[in-house]
């Protein structure tokens, strides 16, 4: 499973990354968590508001920080 957090390093982006890492650890899943900070790559995906959360190449949340429980649910549904 590949999970990507897209954002330039704002507080919300950092918070989303921490929640994703916490969710992965609590669920005990094997996942590659990648932080994408390159503006060109973010805009090429059509993201106009960050942070954004991609799981296995699919946008799951854009422009907001989902709750820990919501992130866990997103990860479970992608398994």
C-alpha atoms as a PDB file:
ATOM      1  CA  UNK A   1       0.000   0.000   0.000  1.00  0.00           C
ATOM      2  CA  UNK A   2       1.289   3.457  -0.862  1.00  0.00           C
ATOM      3  CA  UNK A   3       0.014   6.467   1.051  1.00  0.00           C
ATOM      4  CA  UNK A   4       0.975   9.951  -0.061  1.00  0.00           C
ATOM      5  CA  UNK A   5       0.561  13.198   1.844  1.00  0.00           C
ATOM      6  CA  UNK A   6       0.721  16.162  -0.518  1.00  0.00           C
ATOM      7  CA  UNK A   7       1.590  19.556   0.889  1.00  0.00           C
ATOM      8  CA  UNK A   8       4.281  22.163   1.045  1.00  0.00           C
ATOM      9  CA  UNK A   9       4.929  21.823   4.762  1.00  0.00           C
ATOM     10  CA  UNK A  10       2.152  23.848   6.366  1.00  0.00           C
ATOM     11  CA  UNK A  11       0.858  22.968   9.841  1.00  0.00           C
ATOM     12  CA  UNK A  12      -2.126  21.085   8.401  1.00  0.00           C
ATOM     13  CA  UNK A  13       0.176  19.079   6.117  1.00  0.00           C
ATOM     14  CA  UNK A  14       2.400  18.120   9.029  1.00  0.00           C
ATOM     15  CA  UNK A  15      -0.636  17.205  11.141  1.00  0.00           C
ATOM     16  CA  UNK A  16      -2.022  15.004   8.353  1.00  0.00           C
ATOM     17  CA  UNK A  17       1.330  13.225   7.999  1.00  0.00           C
ATOM     18  CA  UNK A  18       1.453  12.556  11.766  1.00  0.00           C
ATOM     19  CA  UNK A  19      -2.121  11.197  11.754  1.00  0.00           C
ATOM     20  CA  UNK A  20      -1.373   8.940   8.772  1.00  0.00           C
ATOM     21  CA  UNK A  21       1.706   7.531  10.486  1.00  0.00           C
ATOM     22  CA  UNK A  22      -0.305   7.001  13.680  1.00  0.00           C
ATOM     23  CA  UNK A  23      -3.110   5.271  11.767  1.00  0.00           C
ATOM     24  CA  UNK A  24      -0.677   2.959   9.970  1.00  0.00           C
ATOM     25  CA  UNK A  25       0.985   2.044  13.251  1.00  0.00           C
ATOM     26  CA  UNK A  26      -2.278   1.466  15.119  1.00  0.00           C
ATOM     27  CA  UNK A  27      -3.715  -0.655  12.299  1.00  0.00           C
ATOM     28  CA  UNK A  28      -0.500  -2.615  11.937  1.00  0.00           C
ATOM     29  CA  UNK A  29      -0.560  -2.448   8.151  1.00  0.00           C
ATOM     30  CA  UNK A  30       2.461  -2.431   5.882  1.00  0.00           C
ATOM     31  CA  UNK A  31       2.469   0.841   3.991  1.00  0.00           C
ATOM     32  CA  UNK A  32       4.903   3.158   2.287  1.00  0.00           C
ATOM     33  CA  UNK A  33       4.116   6.670   3.510  1.00  0.00           C
ATOM     34  CA  UNK A  34       5.488   9.364   1.216  1.00  0.00           C
ATOM     35  CA  UNK A  35       5.444  13.137   1.743  1.00  0.00           C
ATOM     36  CA  UNK A  36       5.121  14.980  -1.577  1.00  0.00           C
ATOM     37  CA  UNK A  37       6.279  18.590  -1.245  1.00  0.00           C
ATOM     38  CA  UNK A  38       7.112  19.349  -4.883  1.00  0.00           C
ATOM     39  CA  UNK A  39       4.725  22.105  -6.043  1.00  0.00           C
ATOM     40  CA  UNK A  40       4.897  20.984  -9.681  1.00  0.00           C
ATOM     41  CA  UNK A  41       3.908  17.427  -8.802  1.00  0.00           C
ATOM     42  CA  UNK A  42       1.079  18.665  -6.589  1.00  0.00           C
ATOM     43  CA  UNK A  43      -0.345  20.957  -9.270  1.00  0.00           C
ATOM     44  CA  UNK A  44       0.060  18.291 -11.987  1.00  0.00           C
ATOM     45  CA  UNK A  45      -2.384  16.185  -9.978  1.00  0.00           C
ATOM     46  CA  UNK A  46      -4.869  19.058 -10.059  1.00  0.00           C
ATOM     47  CA  UNK A  47      -4.619  19.759  -6.339  1.00  0.00           C
ATOM     48  CA  UNK A  48      -5.468  23.388  -5.651  1.00  0.00           C
ATOM     49  CA  UNK A  49      -5.768  23.133  -1.860  1.00  0.00           C
ATOM     50  CA  UNK A  50      -3.486  21.233   0.466  1.00  0.00           C
ATOM     51  CA  UNK A  51      -3.103  19.016   2.307  1.00  0.00           C
ATOM     52  CA  UNK A  52      -4.195  16.115   0.162  1.00  0.00           C
ATOM     53  CA  UNK A  53      -4.212  12.423   0.983  1.00  0.00           C
ATOM     54  CA  UNK A  54      -3.726   9.774  -1.684  1.00  0.00           C
ATOM     55  CA  UNK A  55      -4.010   6.069  -1.021  1.00  0.00           C
ATOM     56  CA  UNK A  56      -2.822   3.736  -3.753  1.00  0.00           C
ATOM     57  CA  UNK A  57      -2.929   6.603  -6.254  1.00  0.00           C
ATOM     58  CA  UNK A  58      -6.497   7.665  -5.440  1.00  0.00           C
ATOM     59  CA  UNK A  59      -7.339  11.031  -3.858  1.00  0.00           C
ATOM     60  CA  UNK A  60      -9.156  10.390  -0.571  1.00  0.00           C
ATOM     61  CA  UNK A  61      -9.118  13.879   0.975  1.00  0.00           C
ATOM     62  CA  UNK A  62      -8.242  17.274  -0.481  1.00  0.00           C
ATOM     63  CA  UNK A  63      -7.954  20.602   1.334  1.00  0.00           C
ATOM     64  CA  UNK A  64      -8.677  19.222   4.793  1.00  0.00           C
ATOM     65  CA  UNK A  65      -7.279  17.044   7.553  1.00  0.00           C
ATOM     66  CA  UNK A  66      -9.476  14.001   8.138  1.00  0.00           C
ATOM     67  CA  UNK A  67      -9.798  12.636  11.665  1.00  0.00           C
ATOM     68  CA  UNK A  68      -7.705   9.684  12.793  1.00  0.00           C
ATOM     69  CA  UNK A  69     -10.748   7.407  12.645  1.00  0.00           C
ATOM     70  CA  UNK A  70     -11.567   8.594   9.124  1.00  0.00           C
ATOM     71  CA  UNK A  71      -8.000   7.947   7.973  1.00  0.00           C
ATOM     72  CA  UNK A  72      -8.133   4.472   9.487  1.00  0.00           C
ATOM     73  CA  UNK A  73     -11.381   3.801   7.645  1.00  0.00           C
ATOM     74  CA  UNK A  74      -9.834   4.998   4.369  1.00  0.00           C
ATOM     75  CA  UNK A  75      -6.842   2.705   4.862  1.00  0.00           C
ATOM     76  CA  UNK A  76      -9.024  -0.286   5.749  1.00  0.00           C
ATOM     77  CA  UNK A  77     -11.168   0.226   2.659  1.00  0.00           C
ATOM     78  CA  UNK A  78      -8.036   0.268   0.488  1.00  0.00           C
ATOM     79  CA  UNK A  79      -6.763  -3.091   1.809  1.00  0.00           C
END
